[in-house]
C-alpha atoms as a PDB file:
ATOM      1  CA  MET A   1     -26.593  65.011 138.394  1.00  0.00           C
ATOM      2  CA  ALA A   2     -23.444  65.692 140.412  1.00  0.00           C
ATOM      3  CA  GLY A   3     -21.755  67.070 137.324  1.00  0.00           C
ATOM      4  CA  SER A   4     -24.655  69.410 136.668  1.00  0.00           C
ATOM      5  CA  PHE A   5     -24.546  70.679 140.251  1.00  0.00           C
ATOM      6  CA  SER A   6     -20.784  71.278 140.059  1.00  0.00           C
ATOM      7  CA  ALA A   7     -21.220  73.205 136.817  1.00  0.00           C
ATOM      8  CA  HIS A   8     -23.891  75.368 138.458  1.00  0.00           C
ATOM      9  CA  VAL A   9     -21.624  76.111 141.434  1.00  0.00           C
ATOM     10  CA  LEU A  10     -18.812  77.011 139.039  1.00  0.00           C
ATOM     11  CA  ARG A  11     -21.084  79.404 137.102  1.00  0.00           C
ATOM     12  CA  VAL A  12     -22.209  81.091 140.344  1.00  0.00           C
ATOM     13  CA  THR A  13     -18.612  81.416 141.546  1.00  0.00           C
ATOM     14  CA  VAL A  14     -17.509  82.949 138.249  1.00  0.00           C
ATOM     15  CA  ALA A  15     -20.474  85.328 138.292  1.00  0.00           C
ATOM     16  CA  LEU A  16     -19.647  86.488 141.820  1.00  0.00           C
ATOM     17  CA  PHE A  17     -15.999  86.986 140.857  1.00  0.00           C
ATOM     18  CA  VAL A  18     -16.984  89.063 137.825  1.00  0.00           C
ATOM     19  CA  LEU A  19     -19.326  91.116 140.021  1.00  0.00           C
ATOM     20  CA  GLN A  20     -16.509  91.735 142.494  1.00  0.00           C
ATOM     21  CA  LEU A  21     -14.256  92.903 139.665  1.00  0.00           C
ATOM     22  CA  ALA A  22     -16.996  95.230 138.448  1.00  0.00           C
ATOM     23  CA  LEU A  23     -17.300  96.758 141.914  1.00  0.00           C
ATOM     24  CA  LEU A  24     -13.554  97.387 142.324  1.00  0.00           C
ATOM     25  CA  PRO A  25     -13.677 100.823 140.594  1.00  0.00           C
ATOM     26  CA  MET A  26     -16.472 101.867 142.966  1.00  0.00           C
ATOM     27  CA  MET A  27     -14.428 100.666 145.947  1.00  0.00           C
ATOM     28  CA  ALA A  28     -11.404 102.539 144.653  1.00  0.00           C
ATOM     29  CA  ILE A  29     -13.177 105.896 144.660  1.00  0.00           C
ATOM     30  CA  ALA A  30     -14.168 105.433 148.307  1.00  0.00           C
ATOM     31  CA  SER A  31     -10.874 106.997 149.404  1.00  0.00           C
ATOM     32  CA  ASP A  32      -8.193 109.280 147.987  1.00  0.00           C
ATOM     33  CA  ALA A  33      -6.914 108.177 144.586  1.00  0.00           C
ATOM     34  CA  ASP A  34      -3.557 106.406 144.426  1.00  0.00           C
ATOM     35  CA  PRO A  35      -0.686 108.660 143.282  1.00  0.00           C
ATOM     36  CA  GLU A  36       0.737 108.066 139.822  1.00  0.00           C
ATOM     37  CA  GLN A  37       4.202 109.436 140.602  1.00  0.00           C
ATOM     38  CA  ASP A  38       6.656 109.310 143.517  1.00  0.00           C
ATOM     39  CA  PHE A  39       5.265 112.526 145.009  1.00  0.00           C
ATOM     40  CA  CYS A  40       3.281 115.634 144.149  1.00  0.00           C
ATOM     41  CA  VAL A  41       4.214 118.369 146.610  1.00  0.00           C
ATOM     42  CA  GLY A  42       1.318 120.812 146.527  1.00  0.00           C
ATOM     43  CA  ASP A  43       1.921 124.200 144.955  1.00  0.00           C
ATOM     44  CA  THR A  44      -0.091 126.413 147.304  1.00  0.00           C
ATOM     45  CA  ASN A  45       0.645 129.472 145.152  1.00  0.00           C
ATOM     46  CA  ASN A  46      -1.128 128.026 142.103  1.00  0.00           C
ATOM     47  CA  PRO A  47      -4.776 129.180 141.881  1.00  0.00           C
ATOM     48  CA  THR A  48      -5.804 126.287 139.626  1.00  0.00           C
ATOM     49  CA  ILE A  49      -8.481 124.125 141.245  1.00  0.00           C
ATOM     50  CA  VAL A  50      -8.190 120.329 140.837  1.00  0.00           C
ATOM     51  CA  ASN A  51      -9.056 117.342 143.019  1.00  0.00           C
ATOM     52  CA  GLY A  52      -6.078 118.120 145.234  1.00  0.00           C
ATOM     53  CA  LEU A  53      -3.320 120.683 144.860  1.00  0.00           C
ATOM     54  CA  VAL A  54      -1.420 121.263 141.627  1.00  0.00           C
ATOM     55  CA  CYS A  55       2.031 119.633 141.710  1.00  0.00           C
ATOM     56  CA  LYS A  56       5.035 121.768 142.422  1.00  0.00           C
ATOM     57  CA  ASN A  57       7.805 121.532 139.813  1.00  0.00           C
ATOM     58  CA  PRO A  58       9.780 118.399 140.906  1.00  0.00           C
ATOM     59  CA  ALA A  59      13.034 120.216 140.178  1.00  0.00           C
ATOM     60  CA  LEU A  60      12.162 122.725 142.894  1.00  0.00           C
ATOM     61  CA  VAL A  61      11.162 120.179 145.544  1.00  0.00           C
ATOM     62  CA  LYS A  62      13.346 120.020 148.670  1.00  0.00           C
ATOM     63  CA  ALA A  63      13.514 117.762 151.724  1.00  0.00           C
ATOM     64  CA  SER A  64      11.862 120.545 153.733  1.00  0.00           C
ATOM     65  CA  ASP A  65       8.693 120.098 151.632  1.00  0.00           C
ATOM     66  CA  PHE A  66       8.200 116.739 153.357  1.00  0.00           C
ATOM     67  CA  MET A  67       8.558 118.190 156.873  1.00  0.00           C
ATOM     68  CA  PHE A  68       5.908 119.902 159.015  1.00  0.00           C
ATOM     69  CA  HIS A  69       6.559 121.605 162.355  1.00  0.00           C
ATOM     70  CA  GLY A  70       2.988 122.644 163.094  1.00  0.00           C
ATOM     71  CA  LEU A  71       2.126 119.838 165.509  1.00  0.00           C
ATOM     72  CA  ALA A  72       4.984 120.655 167.891  1.00  0.00           C
ATOM     73  CA  THR A  73       3.173 123.635 169.430  1.00  0.00           C
ATOM     74  CA  PRO A  74       0.063 123.234 171.638  1.00  0.00           C
ATOM     75  CA  GLY A  75      -3.068 124.814 170.225  1.00  0.00           C
ATOM     76  CA  ASN A  76      -4.931 127.687 171.895  1.00  0.00           C
ATOM     77  CA  THR A  77      -7.678 126.168 174.071  1.00  0.00           C
ATOM     78  CA  ASN A  78      -8.858 129.531 175.385  1.00  0.00           C
ATOM     79  CA  ASP A  79     -12.330 129.319 173.880  1.00  0.00           C
ATOM     80  CA  PRO A  80     -15.790 128.267 175.122  1.00  0.00           C
ATOM     81  CA  LEU A  81     -15.217 124.643 174.081  1.00  0.00           C
ATOM     82  CA  GLY A  82     -11.782 124.460 175.701  1.00  0.00           C
ATOM     83  CA  SER A  83     -10.231 122.607 172.793  1.00  0.00           C
ATOM     84  CA  SER A  84      -8.052 123.178 169.759  1.00  0.00           C
ATOM     85  CA  VAL A  85      -7.466 121.094 166.632  1.00  0.00           C
ATOM     86  CA  THR A  86      -4.265 121.766 164.678  1.00  0.00           C
ATOM     87  CA  PRO A  87      -4.505 120.088 161.255  1.00  0.00           C
ATOM     88  CA  ALA A  88      -1.681 118.765 159.112  1.00  0.00           C
ATOM     89  CA  ALA A  89      -3.664 118.249 155.918  1.00  0.00           C
ATOM     90  CA  ALA A  90      -2.517 119.091 152.401  1.00  0.00           C
ATOM     91  CA  ALA A  91      -3.407 122.763 152.804  1.00  0.00           C
ATOM     92  CA  GLN A  92      -1.003 123.085 155.748  1.00  0.00           C
ATOM     93  CA  PHE A  93       1.460 120.354 154.739  1.00  0.00           C
ATOM     94  CA  PRO A  94       1.762 120.320 150.912  1.00  0.00           C
ATOM     95  CA  GLY A  95       4.192 117.388 150.983  1.00  0.00           C
ATOM     96  CA  ILE A  96       1.331 114.942 151.643  1.00  0.00           C
ATOM     97  CA  ASN A  97      -0.593 116.048 148.547  1.00  0.00           C
ATOM     98  CA  THR A  98      -1.898 112.924 146.676  1.00  0.00           C
ATOM     99  CA  LEU A  99      -0.568 110.564 149.382  1.00  0.00           C
ATOM    100  CA  GLY A 100      -3.959 109.943 150.990  1.00  0.00           C
ATOM    101  CA  ILE A 101      -2.986 110.732 154.588  1.00  0.00           C
ATOM    102  CA  SER A 102      -3.102 113.581 157.090  1.00  0.00           C
ATOM    103  CA  MET A 103      -2.715 114.197 160.808  1.00  0.00           C
ATOM    104  CA  ALA A 104      -3.960 116.550 163.485  1.00  0.00           C
ATOM    105  CA  ARG A 105      -3.063 117.548 167.032  1.00  0.00           C
ATOM    106  CA  LEU A 106      -5.893 117.767 169.569  1.00  0.00           C
ATOM    107  CA  ASP A 107      -5.366 119.889 172.679  1.00  0.00           C
ATOM    108  CA  PHE A 108      -7.836 120.081 175.556  1.00  0.00           C
ATOM    109  CA  ALA A 109      -8.153 122.350 178.555  1.00  0.00           C
ATOM    110  CA  LYS A 110      -9.745 120.795 181.630  1.00  0.00           C
ATOM    111  CA  GLY A 111     -13.235 119.741 180.546  1.00  0.00           C
ATOM    112  CA  GLY A 112     -12.458 120.643 176.923  1.00  0.00           C
ATOM    113  CA  LEU A 113     -14.582 119.193 174.125  1.00  0.00           C
ATOM    114  CA  VAL A 114     -14.166 118.580 170.411  1.00  0.00           C
ATOM    115  CA  PRO A 115     -17.902 118.669 169.621  1.00  0.00           C
ATOM    116  CA  PRO A 116     -19.770 116.025 167.622  1.00  0.00           C
ATOM    117  CA  HIS A 117     -18.556 116.162 164.029  1.00  0.00           C
ATOM    118  CA  THR A 118     -17.896 114.035 160.963  1.00  0.00           C
ATOM    119  CA  HIS A 119     -15.116 113.584 158.427  1.00  0.00           C
ATOM    120  CA  PRO A 120     -16.908 112.768 155.168  1.00  0.00           C
ATOM    121  CA  ARG A 121     -13.770 111.613 153.379  1.00  0.00           C
ATOM    122  CA  ALA A 122     -11.763 109.776 156.043  1.00  0.00           C
ATOM    123  CA  THR A 123     -11.552 107.241 158.827  1.00  0.00           C
ATOM    124  CA  GLU A 124      -9.766 108.689 161.874  1.00  0.00           C
ATOM    125  CA  ILE A 125      -7.591 106.964 164.460  1.00  0.00           C
ATOM    126  CA  ILE A 126      -6.436 108.811 167.573  1.00  0.00           C
ATOM    127  CA  PHE A 127      -3.623 108.183 170.044  1.00  0.00           C
ATOM    128  CA  VAL A 128      -3.816 109.716 173.537  1.00  0.00           C
ATOM    129  CA  VAL A 129      -0.506 111.385 174.384  1.00  0.00           C
ATOM    130  CA  GLU A 130      -1.502 112.821 177.769  1.00  0.00           C
ATOM    131  CA  GLY A 131      -4.588 112.762 179.964  1.00  0.00           C
ATOM    132  CA  SER A 132      -7.781 110.786 179.510  1.00  0.00           C
ATOM    133  CA  LEU A 133     -10.569 111.285 176.990  1.00  0.00           C
ATOM    134  CA  LEU A 134     -14.175 110.163 176.750  1.00  0.00           C
ATOM    135  CA  VAL A 135     -14.613 109.359 173.066  1.00  0.00           C
ATOM    136  CA  GLY A 136     -17.370 107.854 170.998  1.00  0.00           C
ATOM    137  CA  PHE A 137     -19.118 107.566 167.665  1.00  0.00           C
ATOM    138  CA  VAL A 138     -22.690 106.885 166.593  1.00  0.00           C
ATOM    139  CA  SER A 139     -23.444 104.282 163.929  1.00  0.00           C
ATOM    140  CA  THR A 140     -26.017 104.833 161.187  1.00  0.00           C
ATOM    141  CA  ASN A 141     -28.582 102.828 163.171  1.00  0.00           C
ATOM    142  CA  GLY A 142     -28.192 105.148 166.165  1.00  0.00           C
ATOM    143  CA  THR A 143     -25.971 102.951 168.328  1.00  0.00           C
ATOM    144  CA  LEU A 144     -23.425 104.780 170.480  1.00  0.00           C
ATOM    145  CA  PHE A 145     -19.958 103.254 170.873  1.00  0.00           C
ATOM    146  CA  ALA A 146     -18.203 105.185 173.649  1.00  0.00           C
ATOM    147  CA  THR A 147     -15.353 104.551 176.069  1.00  0.00           C
ATOM    148  CA  THR A 148     -12.746 106.354 178.143  1.00  0.00           C
ATOM    149  CA  LEU A 149      -9.197 106.357 176.823  1.00  0.00           C
ATOM    150  CA  GLN A 150      -6.071 106.682 178.931  1.00  0.00           C
ATOM    151  CA  LYS A 151      -2.551 107.759 177.969  1.00  0.00           C
ATOM    152  CA  GLY A 152      -1.237 105.406 175.283  1.00  0.00           C
ATOM    153  CA  ASP A 153      -4.663 104.174 174.153  1.00  0.00           C
ATOM    154  CA  VAL A 154      -5.814 104.191 170.532  1.00  0.00           C
ATOM    155  CA  PHE A 155      -9.367 104.454 169.179  1.00  0.00           C
ATOM    156  CA  VAL A 156     -10.775 104.520 165.653  1.00  0.00           C
ATOM    157  CA  PHE A 157     -13.734 106.479 164.255  1.00  0.00           C
ATOM    158  CA  PRO A 158     -15.143 104.911 161.063  1.00  0.00           C
ATOM    159  CA  ARG A 159     -15.377 107.131 158.026  1.00  0.00           C
ATOM    160  CA  GLY A 160     -18.241 109.611 157.945  1.00  0.00           C
ATOM    161  CA  LEU A 161     -19.728 108.708 161.353  1.00  0.00           C
ATOM    162  CA  LEU A 162     -20.558 111.289 164.010  1.00  0.00           C
ATOM    163  CA  HIS A 163     -17.946 111.325 166.794  1.00  0.00           C
ATOM    164  CA  PHE A 164     -16.570 113.409 169.670  1.00  0.00           C
ATOM    165  CA  GLU A 165     -13.759 113.713 172.234  1.00  0.00           C
ATOM    166  CA  LEU A 166     -14.130 115.085 175.786  1.00  0.00           C
ATOM    167  CA  ASN A 167     -11.346 115.647 178.319  1.00  0.00           C
ATOM    168  CA  VAL A 168     -12.353 113.881 181.531  1.00  0.00           C
ATOM    169  CA  CYS A 169      -9.097 114.176 183.499  1.00  0.00           C
ATOM    170  CA  ASP A 170      -8.196 116.771 186.135  1.00  0.00           C
ATOM    171  CA  GLY A 171      -5.719 118.583 183.893  1.00  0.00           C
ATOM    172  CA  THR A 172      -5.018 119.169 180.235  1.00  0.00           C
ATOM    173  CA  ALA A 173      -5.037 116.425 177.609  1.00  0.00           C
ATOM    174  CA  THR A 174      -3.403 115.910 174.219  1.00  0.00           C
ATOM    175  CA  ALA A 175      -4.030 113.457 171.395  1.00  0.00           C
ATOM    176  CA  ILE A 176      -2.676 112.884 167.903  1.00  0.00           C
ATOM    177  CA  ALA A 177      -5.023 111.882 165.088  1.00  0.00           C
ATOM    178  CA  ALA A 178      -4.237 110.222 161.764  1.00  0.00           C
ATOM    179  CA  LEU A 179      -6.685 110.164 158.843  1.00  0.00           C
ATOM    180  CA  ASN A 180      -6.656 108.331 155.524  1.00  0.00           C
ATOM    181  CA  SER A 181      -7.267 111.393 153.369  1.00  0.00           C
ATOM    182  CA  GLN A 182      -5.136 114.409 152.519  1.00  0.00           C
ATOM    183  CA  ASN A 183      -8.282 116.528 152.938  1.00  0.00           C
ATOM    184  CA  PRO A 184     -10.712 114.668 155.225  1.00  0.00           C
ATOM    185  CA  GLY A 185     -13.138 117.560 155.656  1.00  0.00           C
ATOM    186  CA  THR A 186     -14.788 118.381 158.984  1.00  0.00           C
ATOM    187  CA  GLN A 187     -18.453 119.122 159.541  1.00  0.00           C
ATOM    188  CA  ILE A 188     -19.457 120.107 163.092  1.00  0.00           C
ATOM    189  CA  GLN A 189     -23.081 119.057 163.362  1.00  0.00           C
ATOM    190  CA  ALA A 190     -24.291 121.862 165.611  1.00  0.00           C
ATOM    191  CA  VAL A 191     -22.691 124.482 163.377  1.00  0.00           C
ATOM    192  CA  ALA A 192     -23.972 122.833 160.199  1.00  0.00           C
ATOM    193  CA  LEU A 193     -27.531 122.865 161.496  1.00  0.00           C
ATOM    194  CA  PHE A 194     -27.807 125.926 163.716  1.00  0.00           C
ATOM    195  CA  ASN A 195     -25.234 128.345 162.348  1.00  0.00           C
ATOM    196  CA  SER A 196     -25.386 127.946 158.571  1.00  0.00           C
ATOM    197  CA  GLY A 197     -28.657 129.568 157.616  1.00  0.00           C
ATOM    198  CA  VAL A 198     -30.872 126.460 157.666  1.00  0.00           C
ATOM    199  CA  SER A 199     -34.484 127.637 157.855  1.00  0.00           C
ATOM    200  CA  GLU A 200     -35.714 127.938 161.441  1.00  0.00           C
ATOM    201  CA  VAL A 201     -38.951 126.281 160.322  1.00  0.00           C
ATOM    202  CA  VAL A 202     -36.932 123.215 159.301  1.00  0.00           C
ATOM    203  CA  LEU A 203     -35.143 123.166 162.654  1.00  0.00           C
ATOM    204  CA  GLU A 204     -38.359 123.648 164.622  1.00  0.00           C
ATOM    205  CA  LYS A 205     -40.024 120.709 162.897  1.00  0.00           C
ATOM    206  CA  ALA A 206     -36.940 118.468 162.908  1.00  0.00           C
ATOM    207  CA  PHE A 207     -36.257 118.887 166.632  1.00  0.00           C
ATOM    208  CA  GLY A 208     -39.756 119.579 167.938  1.00  0.00           C
ATOM    209  CA  LEU A 209     -38.692 123.004 169.215  1.00  0.00           C
ATOM    210  CA  GLY A 210     -40.360 126.376 169.364  1.00  0.00           C
ATOM    211  CA  GLU A 211     -39.075 129.492 167.608  1.00  0.00           C
ATOM    212  CA  LYS A 212     -37.506 130.931 170.770  1.00  0.00           C
ATOM    213  CA  ALA A 213     -35.759 127.652 171.596  1.00  0.00           C
ATOM    214  CA  VAL A 214     -34.221 127.458 168.116  1.00  0.00           C
ATOM    215  CA  GLN A 215     -33.019 131.059 168.377  1.00  0.00           C
ATOM    216  CA  LYS A 216     -31.477 130.338 171.766  1.00  0.00           C
ATOM    217  CA  ILE A 217     -29.642 127.293 170.396  1.00  0.00           C
ATOM    218  CA  GLU A 218     -28.411 129.272 167.391  1.00  0.00           C
ATOM    219  CA  ASP A 219     -27.007 131.957 169.684  1.00  0.00           C
ATOM    220  CA  GLY A 220     -25.400 129.333 171.914  1.00  0.00           C
ATOM    221  CA  VAL A 221     -23.785 127.463 169.027  1.00  0.00           C
ATOM    222  CA  LYS A 222     -22.408 130.701 167.619  1.00  0.00           C
ATOM    223  CA  ALA A 223     -20.887 131.626 170.984  1.00  0.00           C
ATOM    224  CA  ALA A 224     -19.507 128.150 171.656  1.00  0.00           C
ATOM    225  CA  ASN A 225     -17.735 127.971 168.312  1.00  0.00           C
ATOM    226  CA  LYS A 226     -16.282 131.466 168.374  1.00  0.00           C
ATOM    227  CA  LYS A 227     -12.606 131.299 167.436  1.00  0.00           C
ATOM    228  CA  PRO A 228     -10.103 132.447 170.087  1.00  0.00           C
ATOM    229  CA  GLU A 229      -8.422 135.813 169.500  1.00  0.00           C
END
């Protein structure tokens, strides 16, 4: 009897192991693919479209291809939201092409907000350089996880979940973000819903709003997300 039970446990264990192996390819495609060479500096002049940028000729690659100066300069926060996000993704920093990482600089005027948004292809971790930020994300069951960060604090936003950052200090604030994708994608929820052409009937029913209220929100979202000159 004991031998039969042990054999059953062994069969179950083997079956679970085989199932785990079968799921590994699915787990692998949940983030950027691993590179198959030392580097693949993106050739931004090549119009060919692939899942990432076409590789620059390795013979033409220089040390400067792996350097990016764009995060040294504060972004322009002179807009209705009072915030600026300066990305260092593959499009701006071709040296990270195929490496599965990117960064961004977040600058905030007093009261500045990076509005609720998602990154469909990346988890994000932020480090507060100056000031204090109210940050948070919402899980798929509607639970809000929010806290106030001070200088030196770090916070993580799980992949694909709605999140935000608000400057709650008396002056300006700055943060640096790192993401585990060379092209994390950003979808601002208000813009996606109220400034993309979604039928007003859909919005009225989804939010329980009247036609005038939807129009007012659409106008407000458009104004709030107007890019600074």
